[in-house]
């Protein structure tokens, strides 16, 4: 399967621009062209400026007309078939580092696939495309601001759709994980509790929340530890309370996620409080 690197797209590139890590590209495609199955290194939005094409990914078949907007996550396989007219699209690539930071810092996620056929996001994209073609000194600043606004709105819309589409058993599983994150839960235990197959649980959980169950548990433990480190409880006790095997394991996991040791994190918190 072909995986296109950042800034590399099918079609004839009309213009491309990189602003604060975001990559914006306008491309043209000839009528009746077929794009082979491929994926992109970056997550990206695609806004149709001219023409019609049908996009296929997973079990979905989406017909994209002018002003339609789609979002595909990093690595999502898809193929495209153009209809009877030439096509022009405007693409905004989101670096994976921004998606990961958004998830880590806010616990918010963007679903792997989204489609918009009206509303706020297509309007913002039309405005972004206008700024993309301007040459004054304020254009890059306007582009960055609009790109961030688009990402924020996509997260909001994704969250709304997630709440609407989440099955009760999955919400129940997540509540169980939150309540018992200090314990050594197994996938089989959680699946049995909510009455689904472990594979179905693991797959659906990751699709809906953007992380594996193990990553979710680890994040909850780190958040709990961060709160406790603002006090005076010994590190070894915090490690056990949060569900880690011992202080050494706690320190290793904490540093890999937070970027510093628990002891130094506590020292920095003390300085800020004093």
C-alpha atoms as a PDB file:
ATOM      1  CA  UNK A   1       0.000   0.000   0.000  1.00  0.00           C
ATOM      2  CA  UNK A   2       1.274   3.458  -0.910  1.00  0.00           C
ATOM      3  CA  UNK A   3       1.719   5.846   2.044  1.00  0.00           C
ATOM      4  CA  UNK A   4       2.226   9.463   1.033  1.00  0.00           C
ATOM      5  CA  UNK A   5       4.651  11.526   3.161  1.00  0.00           C
ATOM      6  CA  UNK A   6       3.903  15.020   4.446  1.00  0.00           C
ATOM      7  CA  UNK A   7       3.275  17.500   1.621  1.00  0.00           C
ATOM      8  CA  UNK A   8       3.029  14.784  -1.051  1.00  0.00           C
ATOM      9  CA  UNK A   9      -0.352  14.390  -2.771  1.00  0.00           C
ATOM     10  CA  UNK A  10      -1.756  12.847  -5.926  1.00  0.00           C
ATOM     11  CA  UNK A  11      -2.668  15.223  -8.762  1.00  0.00           C
ATOM     12  CA  UNK A  12      -1.094  18.400 -10.132  1.00  0.00           C
ATOM     13  CA  UNK A  13      -0.022  20.792  -7.382  1.00  0.00           C
ATOM     14  CA  UNK A  14      -1.279  24.326  -8.006  1.00  0.00           C
ATOM     15  CA  UNK A  15       0.144  25.818  -4.833  1.00  0.00           C
ATOM     16  CA  UNK A  16       1.579  24.544  -1.548  1.00  0.00           C
ATOM     17  CA  UNK A  17       2.427  26.329   1.693  1.00  0.00           C
ATOM     18  CA  UNK A  18       3.668  25.301   5.152  1.00  0.00           C
ATOM     19  CA  UNK A  19       2.562  27.405   8.134  1.00  0.00           C
ATOM     20  CA  UNK A  20       3.543  26.464  11.698  1.00  0.00           C
ATOM     21  CA  UNK A  21       3.624  22.753  10.855  1.00  0.00           C
ATOM     22  CA  UNK A  22       0.336  22.795   8.918  1.00  0.00           C
ATOM     23  CA  UNK A  23       0.729  21.940   5.227  1.00  0.00           C
ATOM     24  CA  UNK A  24      -1.773  23.525   2.830  1.00  0.00           C
ATOM     25  CA  UNK A  25      -1.985  22.326  -0.777  1.00  0.00           C
ATOM     26  CA  UNK A  26      -4.321  22.959  -3.681  1.00  0.00           C
ATOM     27  CA  UNK A  27      -4.296  20.256  -6.367  1.00  0.00           C
ATOM     28  CA  UNK A  28      -6.028  19.608  -9.689  1.00  0.00           C
ATOM     29  CA  UNK A  29      -7.162  16.235 -11.063  1.00  0.00           C
ATOM     30  CA  UNK A  30      -8.320  15.232 -14.526  1.00  0.00           C
ATOM     31  CA  UNK A  31     -11.845  13.901 -15.078  1.00  0.00           C
ATOM     32  CA  UNK A  32     -12.417  10.144 -14.757  1.00  0.00           C
ATOM     33  CA  UNK A  33      -9.085   9.663 -12.976  1.00  0.00           C
ATOM     34  CA  UNK A  34      -8.818   6.775 -10.521  1.00  0.00           C
ATOM     35  CA  UNK A  35      -6.528   7.208  -7.525  1.00  0.00           C
ATOM     36  CA  UNK A  36      -5.239   3.842  -6.257  1.00  0.00           C
ATOM     37  CA  UNK A  37      -5.673   2.721  -2.684  1.00  0.00           C
ATOM     38  CA  UNK A  38      -3.292   4.696  -0.495  1.00  0.00           C
ATOM     39  CA  UNK A  39      -2.894   6.422   2.871  1.00  0.00           C
ATOM     40  CA  UNK A  40      -1.251   9.593   4.153  1.00  0.00           C
ATOM     41  CA  UNK A  41       1.383  10.065   6.829  1.00  0.00           C
ATOM     42  CA  UNK A  42      -0.499  13.091   8.166  1.00  0.00           C
ATOM     43  CA  UNK A  43      -4.137  13.350   9.122  1.00  0.00           C
ATOM     44  CA  UNK A  44      -5.785  15.774   6.726  1.00  0.00           C
ATOM     45  CA  UNK A  45      -8.896  17.670   5.686  1.00  0.00           C
ATOM     46  CA  UNK A  46      -9.905  17.784   2.019  1.00  0.00           C
ATOM     47  CA  UNK A  47     -12.220  20.561   0.778  1.00  0.00           C
ATOM     48  CA  UNK A  48     -13.750  20.257  -2.704  1.00  0.00           C
ATOM     49  CA  UNK A  49     -13.445  23.422  -4.783  1.00  0.00           C
ATOM     50  CA  UNK A  50     -14.546  22.056  -8.152  1.00  0.00           C
ATOM     51  CA  UNK A  51     -15.799  18.780  -9.615  1.00  0.00           C
ATOM     52  CA  UNK A  52     -17.192  15.604  -8.072  1.00  0.00           C
ATOM     53  CA  UNK A  53     -15.494  12.424  -6.926  1.00  0.00           C
ATOM     54  CA  UNK A  54     -16.370   9.373  -4.863  1.00  0.00           C
ATOM     55  CA  UNK A  55     -14.109   8.326  -2.022  1.00  0.00           C
ATOM     56  CA  UNK A  56     -13.991   4.799  -0.602  1.00  0.00           C
ATOM     57  CA  UNK A  57     -12.620   3.933   2.843  1.00  0.00           C
ATOM     58  CA  UNK A  58     -13.518   1.001   5.054  1.00  0.00           C
ATOM     59  CA  UNK A  59     -17.161   0.253   4.371  1.00  0.00           C
ATOM     60  CA  UNK A  60     -17.934   3.862   3.466  1.00  0.00           C
ATOM     61  CA  UNK A  61     -18.631   5.286   0.028  1.00  0.00           C
ATOM     62  CA  UNK A  62     -18.792   9.099   0.098  1.00  0.00           C
ATOM     63  CA  UNK A  63     -19.664  11.314  -2.872  1.00  0.00           C
ATOM     64  CA  UNK A  64     -17.837  14.627  -2.554  1.00  0.00           C
ATOM     65  CA  UNK A  65     -19.175  17.718  -4.354  1.00  0.00           C
ATOM     66  CA  UNK A  66     -18.085  21.388  -4.193  1.00  0.00           C
ATOM     67  CA  UNK A  67     -17.985  22.676  -0.579  1.00  0.00           C
ATOM     68  CA  UNK A  68     -17.939  19.132   0.843  1.00  0.00           C
ATOM     69  CA  UNK A  69     -15.277  18.552   3.472  1.00  0.00           C
ATOM     70  CA  UNK A  70     -13.804  15.243   4.623  1.00  0.00           C
ATOM     71  CA  UNK A  71     -11.275  14.322   7.292  1.00  0.00           C
ATOM     72  CA  UNK A  72      -9.108  11.204   7.271  1.00  0.00           C
ATOM     73  CA  UNK A  73      -6.753  10.227  10.067  1.00  0.00           C
ATOM     74  CA  UNK A  74      -3.140   9.229   9.593  1.00  0.00           C
ATOM     75  CA  UNK A  75      -2.796   5.865   7.858  1.00  0.00           C
ATOM     76  CA  UNK A  76      -6.462   5.491   6.850  1.00  0.00           C
ATOM     77  CA  UNK A  77      -6.558   3.555   3.568  1.00  0.00           C
ATOM     78  CA  UNK A  78      -8.775   4.977   0.826  1.00  0.00           C
ATOM     79  CA  UNK A  79      -9.189   5.301  -2.939  1.00  0.00           C
ATOM     80  CA  UNK A  80     -10.913   7.868  -5.144  1.00  0.00           C
ATOM     81  CA  UNK A  81     -12.772   7.853  -8.449  1.00  0.00           C
ATOM     82  CA  UNK A  82     -13.360  11.153 -10.233  1.00  0.00           C
ATOM     83  CA  UNK A  83     -16.593  11.754 -12.146  1.00  0.00           C
ATOM     84  CA  UNK A  84     -17.129  13.405 -15.540  1.00  0.00           C
ATOM     85  CA  UNK A  85     -15.439  16.775 -14.841  1.00  0.00           C
ATOM     86  CA  UNK A  86     -12.000  17.965 -13.791  1.00  0.00           C
ATOM     87  CA  UNK A  87     -11.617  18.359 -10.052  1.00  0.00           C
ATOM     88  CA  UNK A  88      -9.797  20.782  -7.777  1.00  0.00           C
ATOM     89  CA  UNK A  89      -9.340  20.230  -4.026  1.00  0.00           C
ATOM     90  CA  UNK A  90      -7.800  22.124  -1.122  1.00  0.00           C
ATOM     91  CA  UNK A  91      -6.013  20.008   1.499  1.00  0.00           C
ATOM     92  CA  UNK A  92      -4.950  20.916   5.044  1.00  0.00           C
ATOM     93  CA  UNK A  93      -2.533  18.394   6.555  1.00  0.00           C
ATOM     94  CA  UNK A  94      -2.334  18.192  10.357  1.00  0.00           C
ATOM     95  CA  UNK A  95       1.045  16.980  11.698  1.00  0.00           C
ATOM     96  CA  UNK A  96       0.716  13.893  13.879  1.00  0.00           C
ATOM     97  CA  UNK A  97       2.514  15.708  16.707  1.00  0.00           C
ATOM     98  CA  UNK A  98      -0.440  18.124  16.975  1.00  0.00           C
ATOM     99  CA  UNK A  99      -2.974  15.283  17.055  1.00  0.00           C
ATOM    100  CA  UNK A 100      -0.994  13.505  19.786  1.00  0.00           C
ATOM    101  CA  UNK A 101      -0.518  16.678  21.826  1.00  0.00           C
ATOM    102  CA  UNK A 102      -4.217  17.436  21.571  1.00  0.00           C
ATOM    103  CA  UNK A 103      -5.023  13.959  22.885  1.00  0.00           C
ATOM    104  CA  UNK A 104      -2.397  14.015  25.657  1.00  0.00           C
ATOM    105  CA  UNK A 105      -3.078  17.535  26.937  1.00  0.00           C
ATOM    106  CA  UNK A 106      -6.851  17.704  26.647  1.00  0.00           C
ATOM    107  CA  UNK A 107      -8.022  14.071  26.317  1.00  0.00           C
ATOM    108  CA  UNK A 108      -9.842  15.234  23.182  1.00  0.00           C
ATOM    109  CA  UNK A 109      -9.662  13.335  19.925  1.00  0.00           C
ATOM    110  CA  UNK A 110     -10.689  13.656  16.317  1.00  0.00           C
ATOM    111  CA  UNK A 111     -12.358  10.574  14.858  1.00  0.00           C
ATOM    112  CA  UNK A 112     -10.454   8.780  12.089  1.00  0.00           C
ATOM    113  CA  UNK A 113     -13.042   9.714   9.466  1.00  0.00           C
ATOM    114  CA  UNK A 114     -15.476  12.623   9.333  1.00  0.00           C
ATOM    115  CA  UNK A 115     -17.643  14.169   6.605  1.00  0.00           C
ATOM    116  CA  UNK A 116     -19.208  17.635   6.546  1.00  0.00           C
ATOM    117  CA  UNK A 117     -21.694  18.838   3.923  1.00  0.00           C
ATOM    118  CA  UNK A 118     -22.502  22.243   5.352  1.00  0.00           C
ATOM    119  CA  UNK A 119     -22.139  24.163   8.581  1.00  0.00           C
ATOM    120  CA  UNK A 120     -19.255  25.868  10.335  1.00  0.00           C
ATOM    121  CA  UNK A 121     -16.301  23.814   9.107  1.00  0.00           C
ATOM    122  CA  UNK A 122     -16.873  24.150   5.339  1.00  0.00           C
ATOM    123  CA  UNK A 123     -17.373  27.905   5.841  1.00  0.00           C
ATOM    124  CA  UNK A 124     -14.089  28.131   7.719  1.00  0.00           C
ATOM    125  CA  UNK A 125     -12.380  26.175   4.948  1.00  0.00           C
ATOM    126  CA  UNK A 126     -13.660  28.542   2.274  1.00  0.00           C
ATOM    127  CA  UNK A 127     -12.200  31.411   4.319  1.00  0.00           C
ATOM    128  CA  UNK A 128      -8.927  29.497   4.760  1.00  0.00           C
ATOM    129  CA  UNK A 129      -8.666  28.988   1.003  1.00  0.00           C
ATOM    130  CA  UNK A 130      -9.116  32.723   0.417  1.00  0.00           C
ATOM    131  CA  UNK A 131      -6.311  33.515   2.878  1.00  0.00           C
ATOM    132  CA  UNK A 132      -4.182  30.819   1.225  1.00  0.00           C
ATOM    133  CA  UNK A 133      -4.224  32.822  -2.007  1.00  0.00           C
ATOM    134  CA  UNK A 134      -3.488  36.201  -0.408  1.00  0.00           C
ATOM    135  CA  UNK A 135       0.060  37.580  -0.381  1.00  0.00           C
ATOM    136  CA  UNK A 136      -0.070  40.308   2.284  1.00  0.00           C
ATOM    137  CA  UNK A 137       1.929  40.107   5.511  1.00  0.00           C
ATOM    138  CA  UNK A 138      -1.055  39.087   7.635  1.00  0.00           C
ATOM    139  CA  UNK A 139      -1.969  36.032   5.546  1.00  0.00           C
ATOM    140  CA  UNK A 140       0.235  33.524   7.383  1.00  0.00           C
ATOM    141  CA  UNK A 141      -1.063  34.689  10.764  1.00  0.00           C
ATOM    142  CA  UNK A 142      -4.651  34.409   9.524  1.00  0.00           C
ATOM    143  CA  UNK A 143      -3.952  30.935   8.125  1.00  0.00           C
ATOM    144  CA  UNK A 144      -2.529  29.653  11.410  1.00  0.00           C
ATOM    145  CA  UNK A 145      -5.472  31.050  13.355  1.00  0.00           C
ATOM    146  CA  UNK A 146      -8.021  29.506  10.999  1.00  0.00           C
ATOM    147  CA  UNK A 147      -6.208  26.151  10.978  1.00  0.00           C
ATOM    148  CA  UNK A 148      -6.345  26.009  14.777  1.00  0.00           C
ATOM    149  CA  UNK A 149      -9.993  27.059  14.770  1.00  0.00           C
ATOM    150  CA  UNK A 150     -10.784  24.322  12.236  1.00  0.00           C
ATOM    151  CA  UNK A 151      -9.010  21.712  14.350  1.00  0.00           C
ATOM    152  CA  UNK A 152     -10.872  22.850  17.478  1.00  0.00           C
ATOM    153  CA  UNK A 153     -14.234  22.745  15.702  1.00  0.00           C
ATOM    154  CA  UNK A 154     -13.471  19.296  14.286  1.00  0.00           C
ATOM    155  CA  UNK A 155     -12.711  18.024  17.793  1.00  0.00           C
ATOM    156  CA  UNK A 156     -15.969  19.536  19.038  1.00  0.00           C
ATOM    157  CA  UNK A 157     -17.997  17.956  16.236  1.00  0.00           C
ATOM    158  CA  UNK A 158     -16.191  14.642  16.703  1.00  0.00           C
ATOM    159  CA  UNK A 159     -17.019  14.659  20.417  1.00  0.00           C
ATOM    160  CA  UNK A 160     -20.686  15.381  19.717  1.00  0.00           C
ATOM    161  CA  UNK A 161     -20.889  12.520  17.231  1.00  0.00           C
ATOM    162  CA  UNK A 162     -19.014  10.246  19.602  1.00  0.00           C
ATOM    163  CA  UNK A 163     -21.528  10.861  22.388  1.00  0.00           C
ATOM    164  CA  UNK A 164     -24.411  10.239  20.011  1.00  0.00           C
ATOM    165  CA  UNK A 165     -22.989   7.027  18.618  1.00  0.00           C
ATOM    166  CA  UNK A 166     -21.346   5.410  21.649  1.00  0.00           C
ATOM    167  CA  UNK A 167     -23.142   2.177  22.635  1.00  0.00           C
ATOM    168  CA  UNK A 168     -24.165   1.897  26.308  1.00  0.00           C
ATOM    169  CA  UNK A 169     -21.857  -1.091  26.924  1.00  0.00           C
ATOM    170  CA  UNK A 170     -18.827   0.928  25.777  1.00  0.00           C
ATOM    171  CA  UNK A 171     -19.686   3.789  28.135  1.00  0.00           C
ATOM    172  CA  UNK A 172     -20.072   1.190  30.879  1.00  0.00           C
ATOM    173  CA  UNK A 173     -16.650  -0.270  30.079  1.00  0.00           C
ATOM    174  CA  UNK A 174     -15.023   3.167  30.213  1.00  0.00           C
ATOM    175  CA  UNK A 175     -16.713   3.942  33.537  1.00  0.00           C
ATOM    176  CA  UNK A 176     -15.435   0.638  34.932  1.00  0.00           C
ATOM    177  CA  UNK A 177     -11.886   1.440  33.793  1.00  0.00           C
ATOM    178  CA  UNK A 178     -12.027   4.911  35.364  1.00  0.00           C
ATOM    179  CA  UNK A 179     -13.348   3.503  38.641  1.00  0.00           C
ATOM    180  CA  UNK A 180     -10.840   0.636  38.853  1.00  0.00           C
ATOM    181  CA  UNK A 181      -7.748   2.038  37.091  1.00  0.00           C
ATOM    182  CA  UNK A 182      -5.590   1.311  40.171  1.00  0.00           C
ATOM    183  CA  UNK A 183      -6.360  -2.406  39.895  1.00  0.00           C
ATOM    184  CA  UNK A 184      -4.878  -4.966  37.493  1.00  0.00           C
ATOM    185  CA  UNK A 185      -7.818  -5.370  35.142  1.00  0.00           C
ATOM    186  CA  UNK A 186      -7.699  -7.752  32.197  1.00  0.00           C
ATOM    187  CA  UNK A 187      -9.389  -7.257  28.857  1.00  0.00           C
ATOM    188  CA  UNK A 188     -11.349 -10.467  29.436  1.00  0.00           C
ATOM    189  CA  UNK A 189     -12.672  -9.183  32.785  1.00  0.00           C
ATOM    190  CA  UNK A 190     -13.882  -5.904  31.308  1.00  0.00           C
ATOM    191  CA  UNK A 191     -15.410  -7.632  28.296  1.00  0.00           C
ATOM    192  CA  UNK A 192     -17.228 -10.145  30.495  1.00  0.00           C
ATOM    193  CA  UNK A 193     -18.536  -7.323  32.693  1.00  0.00           C
ATOM    194  CA  UNK A 194     -20.138  -5.513  29.741  1.00  0.00           C
ATOM    195  CA  UNK A 195     -21.092  -8.670  27.825  1.00  0.00           C
ATOM    196  CA  UNK A 196     -19.035  -8.384  24.615  1.00  0.00           C
ATOM    197  CA  UNK A 197     -16.121 -10.247  23.046  1.00  0.00           C
ATOM    198  CA  UNK A 198     -12.672  -8.972  24.155  1.00  0.00           C
ATOM    199  CA  UNK A 199     -11.566  -8.324  20.553  1.00  0.00           C
ATOM    200  CA  UNK A 200     -14.720  -6.306  19.852  1.00  0.00           C
ATOM    201  CA  UNK A 201     -14.187  -4.337  23.056  1.00  0.00           C
ATOM    202  CA  UNK A 202     -10.544  -3.545  22.278  1.00  0.00           C
ATOM    203  CA  UNK A 203     -11.252  -2.539  18.674  1.00  0.00           C
ATOM    204  CA  UNK A 204     -14.314  -0.404  19.421  1.00  0.00           C
ATOM    205  CA  UNK A 205     -12.692   1.295  22.419  1.00  0.00           C
ATOM    206  CA  UNK A 206      -9.716   2.398  20.320  1.00  0.00           C
ATOM    207  CA  UNK A 207     -11.929   3.571  17.463  1.00  0.00           C
ATOM    208  CA  UNK A 208     -14.152   5.622  19.742  1.00  0.00           C
ATOM    209  CA  UNK A 209     -11.619   7.065  22.204  1.00  0.00           C
ATOM    210  CA  UNK A 210      -8.435   7.171  20.118  1.00  0.00           C
ATOM    211  CA  UNK A 211      -6.356   5.166  22.620  1.00  0.00           C
ATOM    212  CA  UNK A 212      -6.077   1.544  23.653  1.00  0.00           C
ATOM    213  CA  UNK A 213      -7.491   0.423  26.992  1.00  0.00           C
ATOM    214  CA  UNK A 214      -3.939   0.036  28.313  1.00  0.00           C
ATOM    215  CA  UNK A 215      -3.052   3.590  27.259  1.00  0.00           C
ATOM    216  CA  UNK A 216      -6.217   4.866  28.911  1.00  0.00           C
ATOM    217  CA  UNK A 217      -5.352   3.127  32.200  1.00  0.00           C
ATOM    218  CA  UNK A 218      -1.783   4.427  32.061  1.00  0.00           C
ATOM    219  CA  UNK A 219      -3.000   7.990  31.485  1.00  0.00           C
ATOM    220  CA  UNK A 220      -5.424   7.768  34.431  1.00  0.00           C
ATOM    221  CA  UNK A 221      -2.630   6.512  36.693  1.00  0.00           C
ATOM    222  CA  UNK A 222      -0.288   9.310  35.646  1.00  0.00           C
ATOM    223  CA  UNK A 223      -3.001  11.940  36.203  1.00  0.00           C
ATOM    224  CA  UNK A 224      -3.678  10.528  39.682  1.00  0.00           C
ATOM    225  CA  UNK A 225       0.055  10.550  40.487  1.00  0.00           C
ATOM    226  CA  UNK A 226       0.445  14.150  39.321  1.00  0.00           C
ATOM    227  CA  UNK A 227      -2.299  15.242  41.700  1.00  0.00           C
ATOM    228  CA  UNK A 228      -0.778  13.322  44.635  1.00  0.00           C
ATOM    229  CA  UNK A 229       2.746  14.654  43.953  1.00  0.00           C
ATOM    230  CA  UNK A 230       1.554  18.106  44.945  1.00  0.00           C
ATOM    231  CA  UNK A 231       1.342  16.797  48.501  1.00  0.00           C
ATOM    232  CA  UNK A 232       3.799  15.044  50.815  1.00  0.00           C
ATOM    233  CA  UNK A 233       2.900  11.369  50.372  1.00  0.00           C
ATOM    234  CA  UNK A 234       6.086   9.300  49.764  1.00  0.00           C
ATOM    235  CA  UNK A 235       6.789   8.358  46.156  1.00  0.00           C
ATOM    236  CA  UNK A 236       6.660   4.614  46.864  1.00  0.00           C
ATOM    237  CA  UNK A 237       3.193   4.997  48.378  1.00  0.00           C
ATOM    238  CA  UNK A 238       1.949   7.085  45.451  1.00  0.00           C
ATOM    239  CA  UNK A 239       3.261   4.421  43.058  1.00  0.00           C
ATOM    240  CA  UNK A 240       1.278   1.675  44.797  1.00  0.00           C
ATOM    241  CA  UNK A 241      -1.843   3.837  45.151  1.00  0.00           C
ATOM    242  CA  UNK A 242      -1.804   4.607  41.421  1.00  0.00           C
ATOM    243  CA  UNK A 243      -1.526   0.928  40.493  1.00  0.00           C
ATOM    244  CA  UNK A 244       2.159   0.653  39.577  1.00  0.00           C
ATOM    245  CA  UNK A 245       4.145  -2.437  40.546  1.00  0.00           C
ATOM    246  CA  UNK A 246       6.785  -0.442  42.436  1.00  0.00           C
ATOM    247  CA  UNK A 247       8.484   2.950  42.586  1.00  0.00           C
ATOM    248  CA  UNK A 248      10.986   2.065  39.861  1.00  0.00           C
ATOM    249  CA  UNK A 249       8.251   1.136  37.395  1.00  0.00           C
ATOM    250  CA  UNK A 250       6.310   4.254  38.374  1.00  0.00           C
ATOM    251  CA  UNK A 251       9.313   6.528  37.772  1.00  0.00           C
ATOM    252  CA  UNK A 252      10.045   5.003  34.377  1.00  0.00           C
ATOM    253  CA  UNK A 253       6.473   5.313  33.096  1.00  0.00           C
ATOM    254  CA  UNK A 254       6.031   8.777  34.607  1.00  0.00           C
ATOM    255  CA  UNK A 255       9.174  10.150  32.950  1.00  0.00           C
ATOM    256  CA  UNK A 256       8.248   8.713  29.549  1.00  0.00           C
ATOM    257  CA  UNK A 257       4.867  10.491  29.683  1.00  0.00           C
ATOM    258  CA  UNK A 258       5.578  13.696  31.576  1.00  0.00           C
ATOM    259  CA  UNK A 259       9.186  14.243  30.534  1.00  0.00           C
ATOM    260  CA  UNK A 260      10.635  14.425  34.030  1.00  0.00           C
ATOM    261  CA  UNK A 261      10.957  12.233  37.125  1.00  0.00           C
ATOM    262  CA  UNK A 262       8.283  12.205  39.842  1.00  0.00           C
ATOM    263  CA  UNK A 263      10.756  13.741  42.316  1.00  0.00           C
ATOM    264  CA  UNK A 264      11.599  16.622  40.004  1.00  0.00           C
ATOM    265  CA  UNK A 265       7.921  17.116  39.168  1.00  0.00           C
ATOM    266  CA  UNK A 266       7.184  17.418  42.893  1.00  0.00           C
ATOM    267  CA  UNK A 267      10.027  19.923  43.318  1.00  0.00           C
ATOM    268  CA  UNK A 268       8.744  22.037  40.431  1.00  0.00           C
ATOM    269  CA  UNK A 269       5.220  21.983  41.903  1.00  0.00           C
ATOM    270  CA  UNK A 270       6.568  23.111  45.277  1.00  0.00           C
ATOM    271  CA  UNK A 271       8.384  26.027  43.658  1.00  0.00           C
ATOM    272  CA  UNK A 272       5.258  27.137  41.857  1.00  0.00           C
ATOM    273  CA  UNK A 273       3.186  26.951  45.034  1.00  0.00           C
ATOM    274  CA  UNK A 274       5.785  28.871  47.034  1.00  0.00           C
END
